[in-house]
Amino acid sequence: MEITHLEAIAAHRKKRRPVALLTWLESGRSALLTKTDLASSSLAAPLSPALVDALESAFRRDRSMVVTSEAGEVFIHVFNPPLRMVIVGAVHIAQALAPMARRAGYEVIVIDPREAFATEARMPGVELLTRWPDEAMAEIAIDPRTAVVVLTHDPKIDDPALVAALEAAPFYIGALGSRRTHAKRCERLRAQGISESDLARIHAPIGLDIGAEGAVEIAHSVMAEVIATLRGRHAPALPQPE
């Protein structure tokens, strides 16, 4: 690997930009592309549709691979920044979800302005931010390697968190609450200028439909939905009481 590529990869990772090193195995030619480059028309050498599809899959699956292109075999080496989960609300579901996310390789940040909830005793081993979510999330800089999970069931906390998440580009946004609760939530967000297309980005009721009951099972359903979204799978939401 060329030293210039190593330096560029380090710089991209510092800024949490997904990047891939492509090496054409026959010629030894290499090129470094960010995920943003795939949507750009300014590439020096346009990529074939098959290679673009392979790159998108490699980024999504966090998996390096060899693919066959029109110019021969290409090794795609993916350098993704670490996954993060931002949990808004240090509630019982969060207590179960945070360790699951950490075991799955996510950096976990819990935001809750209620200092009685956001304590090390309740949420050990995670970063705790006891500020309002819109302020905290602006500082975190939500990006496409981040999942945002909103759990307080309190509009004063949840609504600013969702607005901040929708203004950013996380790969997942989920919010706790029944269909009736979410319908009221959407009315409030529309009044703040949130579009229908953005509202459709919110997974609510949160979690996959696995018949979950109680905080631990709901946490499992949320973790499963986050993974399914990251990997490009889709499944029905978890039904919750009206």
C-alpha atoms as a PDB file:
ATOM      1  CA  MET A   1       0.000   0.000   0.000  1.00  0.00           C
ATOM      2  CA  GLU A   2       1.357   3.425  -0.934  1.00  0.00           C
ATOM      3  CA  ILE A   3       2.243   5.779   1.910  1.00  0.00           C
ATOM      4  CA  THR A   4      -0.015   8.434   0.397  1.00  0.00           C
ATOM      5  CA  HIS A   5      -2.938   5.993   0.600  1.00  0.00           C
ATOM      6  CA  LEU A   6      -2.121   5.206   4.242  1.00  0.00           C
ATOM      7  CA  GLU A   7      -2.043   8.889   5.109  1.00  0.00           C
ATOM      8  CA  ALA A   8      -5.305   9.514   3.264  1.00  0.00           C
ATOM      9  CA  ILE A   9      -7.017   6.548   4.964  1.00  0.00           C
ATOM     10  CA  ALA A  10      -5.913   7.829   8.376  1.00  0.00           C
ATOM     11  CA  ALA A  11      -7.240  11.297   7.560  1.00  0.00           C
ATOM     12  CA  HIS A  12     -10.596   9.939   6.390  1.00  0.00           C
ATOM     13  CA  ARG A  13     -10.971   7.741   9.473  1.00  0.00           C
ATOM     14  CA  LYS A  14     -10.230  10.699  11.734  1.00  0.00           C
ATOM     15  CA  LYS A  15     -13.158  12.495  10.102  1.00  0.00           C
ATOM     16  CA  ARG A  16     -15.331   9.332  10.221  1.00  0.00           C
ATOM     17  CA  ARG A  17     -15.548   9.017   6.431  1.00  0.00           C
ATOM     18  CA  PRO A  18     -15.999   5.496   5.005  1.00  0.00           C
ATOM     19  CA  VAL A  19     -13.274   4.839   2.456  1.00  0.00           C
ATOM     20  CA  ALA A  20     -12.231   1.894   0.282  1.00  0.00           C
ATOM     21  CA  LEU A  21      -8.940   1.033  -1.389  1.00  0.00           C
ATOM     22  CA  LEU A  22      -9.428  -0.591  -4.802  1.00  0.00           C
ATOM     23  CA  THR A  23      -6.573  -2.642  -6.248  1.00  0.00           C
ATOM     24  CA  TRP A  24      -6.743  -4.056  -9.770  1.00  0.00           C
ATOM     25  CA  LEU A  25      -4.966  -7.380  -9.238  1.00  0.00           C
ATOM     26  CA  GLU A  26      -3.582  -7.810 -12.750  1.00  0.00           C
ATOM     27  CA  SER A  27      -2.031  -4.365 -13.141  1.00  0.00           C
ATOM     28  CA  GLY A  28      -1.471  -3.459  -9.495  1.00  0.00           C
ATOM     29  CA  ARG A  29      -3.151  -0.102 -10.060  1.00  0.00           C
ATOM     30  CA  SER A  30      -4.941   1.242  -7.001  1.00  0.00           C
ATOM     31  CA  ALA A  31      -7.417   3.974  -6.186  1.00  0.00           C
ATOM     32  CA  LEU A  32      -8.896   5.321  -2.979  1.00  0.00           C
ATOM     33  CA  LEU A  33     -12.608   6.167  -2.963  1.00  0.00           C
ATOM     34  CA  THR A  34     -14.892   7.498  -0.256  1.00  0.00           C
ATOM     35  CA  LYS A  35     -18.509   6.440  -0.063  1.00  0.00           C
ATOM     36  CA  THR A  36     -19.438   9.944  -1.206  1.00  0.00           C
ATOM     37  CA  ASP A  37     -17.375   9.469  -4.355  1.00  0.00           C
ATOM     38  CA  LEU A  38     -19.787   6.759  -5.535  1.00  0.00           C
ATOM     39  CA  ALA A  39     -22.486   9.369  -6.049  1.00  0.00           C
ATOM     40  CA  SER A  40     -20.112  11.791  -7.763  1.00  0.00           C
ATOM     41  CA  SER A  41     -19.821  12.267 -11.502  1.00  0.00           C
ATOM     42  CA  SER A  42     -16.343  13.754 -11.187  1.00  0.00           C
ATOM     43  CA  LEU A  43     -14.364  10.516 -10.877  1.00  0.00           C
ATOM     44  CA  ALA A  44     -11.295  10.466 -13.078  1.00  0.00           C
ATOM     45  CA  ALA A  45     -12.219   6.975 -14.292  1.00  0.00           C
ATOM     46  CA  PRO A  46     -15.937   6.159 -14.102  1.00  0.00           C
ATOM     47  CA  LEU A  47     -16.657   2.834 -12.416  1.00  0.00           C
ATOM     48  CA  SER A  48     -18.781   0.123 -13.964  1.00  0.00           C
ATOM     49  CA  PRO A  49     -22.250  -0.400 -12.453  1.00  0.00           C
ATOM     50  CA  ALA A  50     -21.163  -3.837 -11.191  1.00  0.00           C
ATOM     51  CA  LEU A  51     -18.179  -2.355  -9.369  1.00  0.00           C
ATOM     52  CA  VAL A  52     -20.297   0.434  -7.874  1.00  0.00           C
ATOM     53  CA  ASP A  53     -22.793  -2.175  -6.613  1.00  0.00           C
ATOM     54  CA  ALA A  54     -19.947  -4.203  -5.108  1.00  0.00           C
ATOM     55  CA  LEU A  55     -18.534  -1.130  -3.382  1.00  0.00           C
ATOM     56  CA  GLU A  56     -21.911  -0.199  -1.923  1.00  0.00           C
ATOM     57  CA  SER A  57     -22.316  -3.758  -0.647  1.00  0.00           C
ATOM     58  CA  ALA A  58     -18.819  -3.762   0.841  1.00  0.00           C
ATOM     59  CA  PHE A  59     -19.465  -0.498   2.691  1.00  0.00           C
ATOM     60  CA  ARG A  60     -22.853  -1.707   3.953  1.00  0.00           C
ATOM     61  CA  ARG A  61     -21.604  -5.125   5.088  1.00  0.00           C
ATOM     62  CA  ASP A  62     -18.231  -3.949   6.461  1.00  0.00           C
ATOM     63  CA  ARG A  63     -16.628  -6.619   4.339  1.00  0.00           C
ATOM     64  CA  SER A  64     -13.643  -6.504   2.000  1.00  0.00           C
ATOM     65  CA  MET A  65     -13.971  -8.628  -1.139  1.00  0.00           C
ATOM     66  CA  VAL A  66     -12.638  -9.531  -4.584  1.00  0.00           C
ATOM     67  CA  VAL A  67     -14.962  -8.742  -7.487  1.00  0.00           C
ATOM     68  CA  THR A  68     -14.715  -9.228 -11.223  1.00  0.00           C
ATOM     69  CA  SER A  69     -14.997  -6.073 -13.309  1.00  0.00           C
ATOM     70  CA  GLU A  70     -14.618  -5.250 -16.981  1.00  0.00           C
ATOM     71  CA  ALA A  71     -10.958  -4.490 -16.269  1.00  0.00           C
ATOM     72  CA  GLY A  72     -10.339  -7.765 -14.424  1.00  0.00           C
ATOM     73  CA  GLU A  73     -10.408  -8.736 -10.752  1.00  0.00           C
ATOM     74  CA  VAL A  74     -10.467  -5.929  -8.200  1.00  0.00           C
ATOM     75  CA  PHE A  75      -9.776  -6.269  -4.474  1.00  0.00           C
ATOM     76  CA  ILE A  76     -11.947  -3.903  -2.430  1.00  0.00           C
ATOM     77  CA  HIS A  77     -10.492  -3.192   1.014  1.00  0.00           C
ATOM     78  CA  VAL A  78     -13.030  -1.345   3.162  1.00  0.00           C
ATOM     79  CA  PHE A  79     -12.047   1.046   5.941  1.00  0.00           C
ATOM     80  CA  ASN A  80     -15.263   1.994   7.712  1.00  0.00           C
ATOM     81  CA  PRO A  81     -15.276   4.185  10.833  1.00  0.00           C
ATOM     82  CA  PRO A  82     -16.598   2.470  13.952  1.00  0.00           C
ATOM     83  CA  LEU A  83     -20.351   2.123  14.289  1.00  0.00           C
ATOM     84  CA  ARG A  84     -22.040   4.268  16.931  1.00  0.00           C
ATOM     85  CA  MET A  85     -25.367   4.113  18.690  1.00  0.00           C
ATOM     86  CA  VAL A  86     -26.779   7.273  20.239  1.00  0.00           C
ATOM     87  CA  ILE A  87     -29.491   6.387  22.753  1.00  0.00           C
ATOM     88  CA  VAL A  88     -31.728   9.217  23.933  1.00  0.00           C
ATOM     89  CA  GLY A  89     -33.153   8.296  27.330  1.00  0.00           C
ATOM     90  CA  ALA A  90     -31.372   6.336  30.066  1.00  0.00           C
ATOM     91  CA  VAL A  91     -34.467   4.193  30.638  1.00  0.00           C
ATOM     92  CA  HIS A  92     -34.866   0.444  31.303  1.00  0.00           C
ATOM     93  CA  ILE A  93     -34.752  -0.458  27.607  1.00  0.00           C
ATOM     94  CA  ALA A  94     -31.533   1.548  27.273  1.00  0.00           C
ATOM     95  CA  GLN A  95     -30.009  -0.361  30.189  1.00  0.00           C
ATOM     96  CA  ALA A  96     -30.550  -3.587  28.254  1.00  0.00           C
ATOM     97  CA  LEU A  97     -29.765  -2.181  24.799  1.00  0.00           C
ATOM     98  CA  ALA A  98     -26.447  -0.458  25.557  1.00  0.00           C
ATOM     99  CA  PRO A  99     -24.493  -3.633  26.442  1.00  0.00           C
ATOM    100  CA  MET A 100     -26.008  -5.448  23.433  1.00  0.00           C
ATOM    101  CA  ALA A 101     -24.837  -2.664  21.131  1.00  0.00           C
ATOM    102  CA  ARG A 102     -21.378  -2.676  22.663  1.00  0.00           C
ATOM    103  CA  ARG A 103     -21.054  -6.431  22.143  1.00  0.00           C
ATOM    104  CA  ALA A 104     -22.091  -5.893  18.504  1.00  0.00           C
ATOM    105  CA  GLY A 105     -19.191  -3.467  18.058  1.00  0.00           C
ATOM    106  CA  TYR A 106     -20.980  -0.147  18.507  1.00  0.00           C
ATOM    107  CA  GLU A 107     -19.637   2.799  20.430  1.00  0.00           C
ATOM    108  CA  VAL A 108     -22.542   3.788  22.697  1.00  0.00           C
ATOM    109  CA  ILE A 109     -23.478   7.308  23.772  1.00  0.00           C
ATOM    110  CA  VAL A 110     -26.461   7.847  26.065  1.00  0.00           C
ATOM    111  CA  ILE A 111     -28.091  11.287  26.204  1.00  0.00           C
ATOM    112  CA  ASP A 112     -30.508  12.272  28.955  1.00  0.00           C
ATOM    113  CA  PRO A 113     -30.814  15.692  30.578  1.00  0.00           C
ATOM    114  CA  ARG A 114     -32.345  14.012  33.634  1.00  0.00           C
ATOM    115  CA  GLU A 115     -29.287  13.485  35.813  1.00  0.00           C
ATOM    116  CA  ALA A 116     -31.154  11.069  38.089  1.00  0.00           C
ATOM    117  CA  PHE A 117     -31.455   8.674  35.111  1.00  0.00           C
ATOM    118  CA  ALA A 118     -28.117   9.242  33.368  1.00  0.00           C
ATOM    119  CA  THR A 119     -25.806   7.845  36.019  1.00  0.00           C
ATOM    120  CA  GLU A 120     -22.792   5.539  35.828  1.00  0.00           C
ATOM    121  CA  ALA A 121     -24.565   3.144  38.186  1.00  0.00           C
ATOM    122  CA  ARG A 122     -27.506   2.780  35.785  1.00  0.00           C
ATOM    123  CA  MET A 123     -25.517   2.944  32.537  1.00  0.00           C
ATOM    124  CA  PRO A 124     -22.035   1.545  33.207  1.00  0.00           C
ATOM    125  CA  GLY A 125     -19.335   1.605  30.553  1.00  0.00           C
ATOM    126  CA  VAL A 126     -20.947   4.078  28.136  1.00  0.00           C
ATOM    127  CA  GLU A 127     -20.465   7.762  27.457  1.00  0.00           C
ATOM    128  CA  LEU A 128     -23.144   9.785  29.255  1.00  0.00           C
ATOM    129  CA  LEU A 129     -24.235  13.263  28.181  1.00  0.00           C
ATOM    130  CA  THR A 130     -26.594  15.049  30.559  1.00  0.00           C
ATOM    131  CA  ARG A 131     -27.594  17.791  28.131  1.00  0.00           C
ATOM    132  CA  TRP A 132     -30.624  18.389  25.942  1.00  0.00           C
ATOM    133  CA  PRO A 133     -30.418  16.067  22.936  1.00  0.00           C
ATOM    134  CA  ASP A 134     -30.361  18.717  20.203  1.00  0.00           C
ATOM    135  CA  GLU A 135     -27.334  20.362  21.851  1.00  0.00           C
ATOM    136  CA  ALA A 136     -25.570  17.076  22.532  1.00  0.00           C
ATOM    137  CA  MET A 137     -26.218  15.653  19.057  1.00  0.00           C
ATOM    138  CA  ALA A 138     -24.864  18.790  17.371  1.00  0.00           C
ATOM    139  CA  GLU A 139     -21.636  18.214  19.277  1.00  0.00           C
ATOM    140  CA  ILE A 140     -21.517  14.499  18.415  1.00  0.00           C
ATOM    141  CA  ALA A 141     -21.902  15.178  14.679  1.00  0.00           C
ATOM    142  CA  ILE A 142     -24.327  12.413  13.690  1.00  0.00           C
ATOM    143  CA  ASP A 143     -23.188  10.634  10.523  1.00  0.00           C
ATOM    144  CA  PRO A 144     -24.117   7.647   8.295  1.00  0.00           C
ATOM    145  CA  ARG A 145     -22.324   5.225  10.647  1.00  0.00           C
ATOM    146  CA  THR A 146     -24.590   6.250  13.532  1.00  0.00           C
ATOM    147  CA  ALA A 147     -27.886   4.798  14.750  1.00  0.00           C
ATOM    148  CA  VAL A 148     -30.160   7.060  16.804  1.00  0.00           C
ATOM    149  CA  VAL A 149     -32.569   5.370  19.242  1.00  0.00           C
ATOM    150  CA  VAL A 150     -35.077   7.624  21.028  1.00  0.00           C
ATOM    151  CA  LEU A 151     -36.633   6.058  24.121  1.00  0.00           C
ATOM    152  CA  THR A 152     -37.814   8.581  26.741  1.00  0.00           C
ATOM    153  CA  HIS A 153     -41.480   8.757  25.658  1.00  0.00           C
ATOM    154  CA  ASP A 154     -41.311  12.432  26.696  1.00  0.00           C
ATOM    155  CA  PRO A 155     -41.990  14.894  23.818  1.00  0.00           C
ATOM    156  CA  LYS A 156     -39.851  17.562  25.489  1.00  0.00           C
ATOM    157  CA  ILE A 157     -36.840  15.285  25.044  1.00  0.00           C
ATOM    158  CA  ASP A 158     -37.806  13.027  22.140  1.00  0.00           C
ATOM    159  CA  ASP A 159     -38.988  15.686  19.686  1.00  0.00           C
ATOM    160  CA  PRO A 160     -35.772  17.786  19.709  1.00  0.00           C
ATOM    161  CA  ALA A 161     -33.764  14.570  19.396  1.00  0.00           C
ATOM    162  CA  LEU A 162     -35.741  13.459  16.347  1.00  0.00           C
ATOM    163  CA  VAL A 163     -35.494  16.872  14.675  1.00  0.00           C
ATOM    164  CA  ALA A 164     -31.721  16.853  15.211  1.00  0.00           C
ATOM    165  CA  ALA A 165     -31.442  13.300  13.866  1.00  0.00           C
ATOM    166  CA  LEU A 166     -33.565  14.077  10.795  1.00  0.00           C
ATOM    167  CA  GLU A 167     -31.377  17.072  10.002  1.00  0.00           C
ATOM    168  CA  ALA A 168     -28.357  14.748   9.989  1.00  0.00           C
ATOM    169  CA  ALA A 169     -27.733  11.492   8.145  1.00  0.00           C
ATOM    170  CA  PRO A 170     -27.803   8.520  10.539  1.00  0.00           C
ATOM    171  CA  PHE A 171     -28.441   5.152   8.925  1.00  0.00           C
ATOM    172  CA  TYR A 172     -31.180   4.441  11.488  1.00  0.00           C
ATOM    173  CA  ILE A 173     -33.655   6.516  13.496  1.00  0.00           C
ATOM    174  CA  GLY A 174     -36.077   4.751  15.814  1.00  0.00           C
ATOM    175  CA  ALA A 175     -38.559   6.068  18.382  1.00  0.00           C
ATOM    176  CA  LEU A 176     -40.419   4.314  21.171  1.00  0.00           C
ATOM    177  CA  GLY A 177     -44.182   4.610  21.307  1.00  0.00           C
ATOM    178  CA  SER A 178     -47.437   3.125  20.048  1.00  0.00           C
ATOM    179  CA  ARG A 179     -48.922   3.958  16.664  1.00  0.00           C
ATOM    180  CA  ARG A 180     -51.227   6.465  18.338  1.00  0.00           C
ATOM    181  CA  THR A 181     -48.276   8.071  20.146  1.00  0.00           C
ATOM    182  CA  HIS A 182     -46.299   8.223  16.919  1.00  0.00           C
ATOM    183  CA  ALA A 183     -49.209   9.776  15.019  1.00  0.00           C
ATOM    184  CA  LYS A 184     -49.366  12.586  17.592  1.00  0.00           C
ATOM    185  CA  ARG A 185     -45.590  12.887  17.414  1.00  0.00           C
ATOM    186  CA  CYS A 186     -45.744  13.280  13.635  1.00  0.00           C
ATOM    187  CA  GLU A 187     -48.341  16.046  14.000  1.00  0.00           C
ATOM    188  CA  ARG A 188     -45.964  17.957  16.269  1.00  0.00           C
ATOM    189  CA  LEU A 189     -43.003  17.428  13.935  1.00  0.00           C
ATOM    190  CA  ARG A 190     -45.016  18.528  10.880  1.00  0.00           C
ATOM    191  CA  ALA A 191     -45.812  21.737  12.748  1.00  0.00           C
ATOM    192  CA  GLN A 192     -42.046  22.271  13.039  1.00  0.00           C
ATOM    193  CA  GLY A 193     -41.637  21.906   9.274  1.00  0.00           C
ATOM    194  CA  ILE A 194     -40.559  18.266   9.076  1.00  0.00           C
ATOM    195  CA  SER A 195     -41.505  16.787   5.691  1.00  0.00           C
ATOM    196  CA  GLU A 196     -43.414  13.570   5.066  1.00  0.00           C
ATOM    197  CA  SER A 197     -40.334  12.000   3.488  1.00  0.00           C
ATOM    198  CA  ASP A 198     -38.328  12.720   6.637  1.00  0.00           C
ATOM    199  CA  LEU A 199     -41.083  11.412   8.907  1.00  0.00           C
ATOM    200  CA  ALA A 200     -40.977   8.183   6.910  1.00  0.00           C
ATOM    201  CA  ARG A 201     -37.336   7.757   7.967  1.00  0.00           C
ATOM    202  CA  ILE A 202     -38.407   7.197  11.591  1.00  0.00           C
ATOM    203  CA  HIS A 203     -38.853   3.544  12.601  1.00  0.00           C
ATOM    204  CA  ALA A 204     -41.891   3.709  14.865  1.00  0.00           C
ATOM    205  CA  PRO A 205     -43.156   1.791  16.675  1.00  0.00           C
ATOM    206  CA  ILE A 206     -39.524   0.872  17.245  1.00  0.00           C
ATOM    207  CA  GLY A 207     -38.168  -2.672  16.832  1.00  0.00           C
ATOM    208  CA  LEU A 208     -38.820  -5.770  14.760  1.00  0.00           C
ATOM    209  CA  ASP A 209     -42.044  -7.722  15.167  1.00  0.00           C
ATOM    210  CA  ILE A 210     -40.807 -10.609  17.329  1.00  0.00           C
ATOM    211  CA  GLY A 211     -43.624 -10.472  19.870  1.00  0.00           C
ATOM    212  CA  ALA A 212     -41.322  -8.826  22.409  1.00  0.00           C
ATOM    213  CA  GLU A 213     -42.540  -8.107  25.928  1.00  0.00           C
ATOM    214  CA  GLY A 214     -40.608  -6.210  28.583  1.00  0.00           C
ATOM    215  CA  ALA A 215     -37.497  -4.071  28.388  1.00  0.00           C
ATOM    216  CA  VAL A 216     -34.981  -6.793  27.558  1.00  0.00           C
ATOM    217  CA  GLU A 217     -36.997  -8.343  24.730  1.00  0.00           C
ATOM    218  CA  ILE A 218     -37.799  -4.913  23.267  1.00  0.00           C
ATOM    219  CA  ALA A 219     -34.084  -4.101  23.398  1.00  0.00           C
ATOM    220  CA  HIS A 220     -33.399  -7.273  21.398  1.00  0.00           C
ATOM    221  CA  SER A 221     -36.017  -6.238  18.825  1.00  0.00           C
ATOM    222  CA  VAL A 222     -34.462  -2.775  18.522  1.00  0.00           C
ATOM    223  CA  MET A 223     -30.947  -4.169  18.113  1.00  0.00           C
ATOM    224  CA  ALA A 224     -32.230  -6.545  15.432  1.00  0.00           C
ATOM    225  CA  GLU A 225     -33.928  -3.711  13.546  1.00  0.00           C
ATOM    226  CA  VAL A 226     -30.778  -1.578  13.691  1.00  0.00           C
ATOM    227  CA  ILE A 227     -28.730  -4.453  12.238  1.00  0.00           C
ATOM    228  CA  ALA A 228     -31.361  -5.181   9.575  1.00  0.00           C
ATOM    229  CA  THR A 229     -31.356  -1.532   8.509  1.00  0.00           C
ATOM    230  CA  LEU A 230     -27.558  -1.366   8.414  1.00  0.00           C
ATOM    231  CA  ARG A 231     -27.365  -4.487   6.259  1.00  0.00           C
ATOM    232  CA  GLY A 232     -30.119  -3.382   3.887  1.00  0.00           C
ATOM    233  CA  ARG A 233     -32.810  -5.737   5.164  1.00  0.00           C
ATOM    234  CA  HIS A 234     -36.373  -4.684   5.939  1.00  0.00           C
ATOM    235  CA  ALA A 235     -38.875  -6.170   8.343  1.00  0.00           C
ATOM    236  CA  PRO A 236     -42.162  -5.124  10.003  1.00  0.00           C
ATOM    237  CA  ALA A 237     -42.099  -2.967  13.117  1.00  0.00           C
ATOM    238  CA  LEU A 238     -42.847  -4.224  16.590  1.00  0.00           C
ATOM    239  CA  PRO A 239     -46.556  -3.729  17.425  1.00  0.00           C
ATOM    240  CA  GLN A 240     -47.063  -1.844  20.686  1.00  0.00           C
ATOM    241  CA  PRO A 241     -50.236  -1.210  22.676  1.00  0.00           C
ATOM    242  CA  GLU A 242     -52.464   1.635  21.614  1.00  0.00           C
END
